[in-house]
Amino acid sequence: MKEQTFQVSDLNTSEDAEKITQAMLDVWGISQAEASSQHKTVSIRFDERMASSDDFEQAVREAGFNLVSE
């Protein structure tokens, strides 16, 4: 298992955080997800053999948000 944290540019409320958390948990291979509106981040724990950063970015976009480019 691998852990990773992403910045989310438009994560402003606890409702936004719940929406992103659920979107990430719907991605195959993610076992844990927690979004923080205070820090504008989403942290996940996943199996890198089953999921990739492209999957995470797509899930966030489909939920109506954007990851901050590094």
Foldseek 3Di string as FASTA:
>chain_A
DDKDKFAWDPLADVVSQVLLQVLVVPQPFWDGWGADNVRRMIMTDGDCVRDDVVSSQVSQVVSPIGTDDD
